[in-house]
Amino acid sequence: MLKIWGRPTSSNVMKAVWTCAELDIPFERIDVGGPFGGNREKAYLDKNPNGLVPTLEEPDGFILWESNSIVRYLASGHDAFYPAERRARADAERWMDWQLTTVGPTYGPIFHGLVRTPADQRDPAAIAAAVARTADLFKVLEDRMGGRAFLCGDTLTVADIPYGPILHRWFSLDFDRPAFPSLRAWYDRLCERPAFRTQVVDIPIV
């Protein structure tokens, strides 16, 4: 059976296991990283020299790391989920890349400031600045989502996967945020999906 190495609370691991759940791909998730440790041990570094999660391992020994690459690999052959048509696929991949290079790093200080930093050590100004920068990016998504059910049209695709865990944390954590009605509607639609609820919403934010 396919294995996914990584702790369930990692947003990057969530991308992989949510994809599996959406596509009914059997998998075994193995705890590693964070409180479970093991990601700096040789056995794991031999699979993923970055020491990060997730790592995908096939029964025949094929190894793949980098969360968005894992999502694309899992989705290959599922043409509605990972569009086969050249331009539709490029559109979906563009949004995936934008999450990885731009949205994720910009949002990160909010999560680390509010969740991973003790209350007496937080920097409210830095968190507020990160919220403002993320809101500027989310305005792009807000405009994109106007009149759309999902990021690339009427059905869920690989483009939506990287944003699900971020949207869940954005709307669940306690901080002042701009009103983005189209983003909220998108998130609410994701929450209606059993796979998203099981692999993202029902997992503690820690």
Protein backbone atom coordinates (compact mmCIF):
# COMPACT_ATOMS: atom_id res chain seq x y z
CA MET A 1 0.00 0.00 0.00
CA LEU A 2 1.13 3.55 -0.69
CA LYS A 3 2.67 5.22 2.37
CA ILE A 4 2.63 8.90 3.27
CA TRP A 5 5.17 9.85 5.90
CA GLY A 6 4.25 12.85 8.00
CA ARG A 7 2.29 14.08 10.98
CA PRO A 8 -1.44 14.74 10.44
CA THR A 9 -1.24 18.36 11.67
CA SER A 10 1.13 19.45 8.89
CA SER A 11 -0.65 21.50 6.24
CA ASN A 12 1.61 19.99 3.60
CA VAL A 13 0.78 16.46 4.71
CA MET A 14 -2.89 17.44 4.62
CA LYS A 15 -2.57 18.20 0.90
CA ALA A 16 -1.42 14.64 0.20
CA VAL A 17 -3.86 12.75 2.39
CA TRP A 18 -6.80 14.94 1.34
CA THR A 19 -5.98 14.17 -2.29
CA CYS A 20 -5.88 10.46 -1.52
CA ALA A 21 -9.21 10.67 0.26
CA GLU A 22 -10.83 12.61 -2.59
CA LEU A 23 -9.65 10.09 -5.17
CA ASP A 24 -10.25 6.96 -3.05
CA ILE A 25 -6.57 6.04 -3.16
CA PRO A 26 -5.75 3.64 -0.30
CA PHE A 27 -2.86 4.87 1.81
CA GLU A 28 -1.12 4.41 5.11
CA ARG A 29 0.01 7.55 6.89
CA ILE A 30 3.01 7.16 9.19
CA ASP A 31 3.65 9.66 11.99
CA VAL A 32 6.95 11.48 11.57
CA GLY A 33 8.08 15.02 12.27
CA GLY A 34 7.00 17.50 14.92
CA PRO A 35 6.29 15.77 18.25
CA PHE A 36 6.91 12.36 16.66
CA GLY A 37 10.45 13.15 15.54
CA GLY A 38 12.24 10.74 13.26
CA ASN A 39 12.64 13.16 10.39
CA ARG A 40 16.33 13.76 11.14
CA GLU A 41 17.17 10.09 11.40
CA LYS A 42 19.14 8.44 8.62
CA ALA A 43 16.35 6.08 7.62
CA TYR A 44 14.08 9.02 6.87
CA LEU A 45 16.76 11.27 5.40
CA ASP A 46 17.57 8.48 2.95
CA LYS A 47 14.02 8.94 1.67
CA ASN A 48 13.86 12.72 1.93
CA PRO A 49 17.21 14.51 2.37
CA ASN A 50 15.38 17.70 3.37
CA GLY A 51 14.05 16.05 6.52
CA LEU A 52 10.64 17.57 5.84
CA VAL A 53 7.15 16.11 5.42
CA PRO A 54 5.37 14.69 3.55
CA THR A 55 7.22 11.93 1.76
CA LEU A 56 5.37 9.49 -0.49
CA GLU A 57 6.60 5.92 -0.78
CA GLU A 58 5.19 3.38 -3.22
CA PRO A 59 5.36 -0.39 -2.53
CA ASP A 60 7.94 -0.79 -5.32
CA GLY A 61 10.27 1.69 -3.60
CA PHE A 62 9.46 4.83 -5.61
CA ILE A 63 9.93 7.89 -3.39
CA LEU A 64 8.58 11.40 -3.94
CA TRP A 65 8.80 14.51 -1.77
CA GLU A 66 7.48 18.09 -2.12
CA SER A 67 3.79 18.34 -1.30
CA ASN A 68 2.48 19.88 -4.52
CA SER A 69 4.48 17.41 -6.60
CA ILE A 70 2.92 14.60 -4.57
CA VAL A 71 -0.56 15.99 -5.24
CA ARG A 72 0.12 16.10 -8.99
CA TYR A 73 1.52 12.57 -8.93
CA LEU A 74 -1.46 11.19 -7.06
CA ALA A 75 -3.87 12.99 -9.38
CA SER A 76 -2.23 11.84 -12.60
CA GLY A 77 -4.77 10.01 -14.75
CA HIS A 78 -7.76 11.57 -12.99
CA ASP A 79 -8.50 14.00 -15.80
CA ALA A 80 -11.36 15.87 -14.16
CA PHE A 81 -9.26 16.46 -11.06
CA TYR A 82 -5.98 17.12 -12.88
CA PRO A 83 -6.99 18.54 -16.26
CA ALA A 84 -5.53 16.78 -19.27
CA GLU A 85 -6.02 19.68 -21.66
CA ARG A 86 -2.79 21.66 -21.90
CA ARG A 87 -4.02 25.14 -20.98
CA ALA A 88 -6.42 23.96 -18.30
CA ARG A 89 -3.58 21.99 -16.70
CA ALA A 90 -1.23 24.98 -16.87
CA ASP A 91 -3.88 27.15 -15.22
CA ALA A 92 -4.30 24.70 -12.34
CA GLU A 93 -0.55 24.29 -11.90
CA ARG A 94 -0.05 28.05 -11.92
CA TRP A 95 -2.29 28.42 -8.87
CA MET A 96 -0.51 25.54 -7.14
CA ASP A 97 2.86 27.19 -7.74
CA TRP A 98 1.59 30.56 -6.52
CA GLN A 99 0.54 28.98 -3.23
CA LEU A 100 3.95 27.42 -2.78
CA THR A 101 6.06 30.43 -3.70
CA THR A 102 3.94 33.37 -2.58
CA VAL A 103 0.84 32.71 -0.49
CA GLY A 104 2.30 30.07 1.82
CA PRO A 105 5.41 32.02 2.87
CA THR A 106 3.37 35.21 3.32
CA TYR A 107 0.73 33.52 5.45
CA GLY A 108 3.22 31.48 7.48
CA PRO A 109 4.07 34.17 10.09
CA ILE A 110 0.39 34.38 11.07
CA PHE A 111 0.23 30.69 11.89
CA HIS A 112 3.60 30.61 13.63
CA GLY A 113 2.84 33.80 15.53
CA LEU A 114 -0.56 32.71 16.80
CA VAL A 115 -0.13 28.95 17.15
CA ARG A 116 3.53 28.10 17.55
CA THR A 117 4.59 31.13 19.66
CA PRO A 118 3.68 31.42 23.37
CA ALA A 119 1.27 34.29 24.00
CA ASP A 120 3.78 36.30 26.03
CA GLN A 121 6.36 36.10 23.23
CA ARG A 122 4.16 37.09 20.29
CA ASP A 123 4.84 40.14 18.18
CA PRO A 124 1.38 41.64 17.47
CA ALA A 125 2.79 44.13 14.98
CA ALA A 126 4.50 41.40 12.98
CA ILE A 127 1.34 39.29 12.98
CA ALA A 128 -0.77 42.26 11.87
CA ALA A 129 1.70 43.01 9.08
CA ALA A 130 1.52 39.40 7.91
CA VAL A 131 -2.29 39.55 7.95
CA ALA A 132 -2.19 42.70 5.80
CA ARG A 133 0.25 41.17 3.31
CA THR A 134 -1.78 37.97 3.12
CA ALA A 135 -4.99 39.94 2.64
CA ASP A 136 -3.44 41.65 -0.38
CA LEU A 137 -2.83 38.22 -1.90
CA PHE A 138 -6.23 36.93 -0.87
CA LYS A 139 -7.80 39.85 -2.75
CA VAL A 140 -6.41 38.21 -5.89
CA LEU A 141 -8.12 34.96 -4.90
CA GLU A 142 -11.30 36.83 -3.95
CA ASP A 143 -11.47 38.34 -7.42
CA ARG A 144 -10.68 34.99 -9.01
CA MET A 145 -13.45 33.22 -7.10
CA GLY A 146 -16.19 35.63 -8.09
CA GLY A 147 -18.81 33.49 -9.84
CA ARG A 148 -16.77 30.31 -9.47
CA ALA A 149 -17.45 27.26 -7.33
CA PHE A 150 -13.78 26.25 -7.26
CA LEU A 151 -10.52 27.82 -8.30
CA CYS A 152 -10.58 26.48 -11.87
CA GLY A 153 -14.30 26.16 -12.49
CA ASP A 154 -17.25 24.10 -11.36
CA THR A 155 -15.35 21.11 -9.96
CA LEU A 156 -12.59 20.55 -7.44
CA THR A 157 -9.15 20.21 -9.02
CA VAL A 158 -5.54 20.01 -7.91
CA ALA A 159 -5.53 23.83 -7.87
CA ASP A 160 -7.80 23.91 -4.81
CA ILE A 161 -5.82 21.43 -2.74
CA PRO A 162 -2.91 23.66 -1.62
CA TYR A 163 -5.29 26.38 -0.45
CA GLY A 164 -7.65 24.25 1.65
CA PRO A 165 -5.47 24.01 4.77
CA ILE A 166 -4.56 27.71 4.57
CA LEU A 167 -8.20 28.75 4.21
CA HIS A 168 -9.13 26.55 7.17
CA ARG A 169 -6.56 28.24 9.38
CA TRP A 170 -7.35 31.72 8.05
CA PHE A 171 -11.03 31.38 8.93
CA SER A 172 -10.53 29.40 12.17
CA LEU A 173 -7.82 31.29 14.05
CA ASP A 174 -8.70 34.28 16.23
CA PHE A 175 -7.55 37.48 14.55
CA ASP A 176 -9.12 40.43 12.75
CA ARG A 177 -9.39 39.75 9.03
CA PRO A 178 -10.99 41.46 6.06
CA ALA A 179 -14.29 40.12 4.81
CA PHE A 180 -13.79 38.01 1.71
CA PRO A 181 -17.25 36.63 0.90
CA SER A 182 -16.18 34.68 -2.19
CA LEU A 183 -13.27 33.10 -0.30
CA ARG A 184 -15.60 32.25 2.58
CA ALA A 185 -18.08 30.63 0.20
CA TRP A 186 -15.22 28.63 -1.37
CA TYR A 187 -14.08 27.47 2.06
CA ASP A 188 -17.66 26.55 3.03
CA ARG A 189 -17.95 24.44 -0.12
CA LEU A 190 -14.74 22.65 0.78
CA CYS A 191 -16.11 21.99 4.27
CA GLU A 192 -19.06 20.17 2.71
CA ARG A 193 -16.68 17.55 1.32
CA PRO A 194 -16.21 14.55 3.65
CA ALA A 195 -12.57 14.10 2.61
CA PHE A 196 -11.74 17.71 3.48
CA ARG A 197 -13.50 17.50 6.83
CA THR A 198 -11.72 14.27 7.77
CA GLN A 199 -8.23 15.20 6.64
CA VAL A 200 -8.21 18.96 7.39
CA VAL A 201 -11.11 20.37 9.42
CA ASP A 202 -11.22 17.62 12.05
CA ILE A 203 -7.45 17.80 12.68
CA PRO A 204 -6.35 20.07 15.57
CA ILE A 205 -4.57 23.28 14.61
CA VAL A 206 -1.28 22.97 16.48
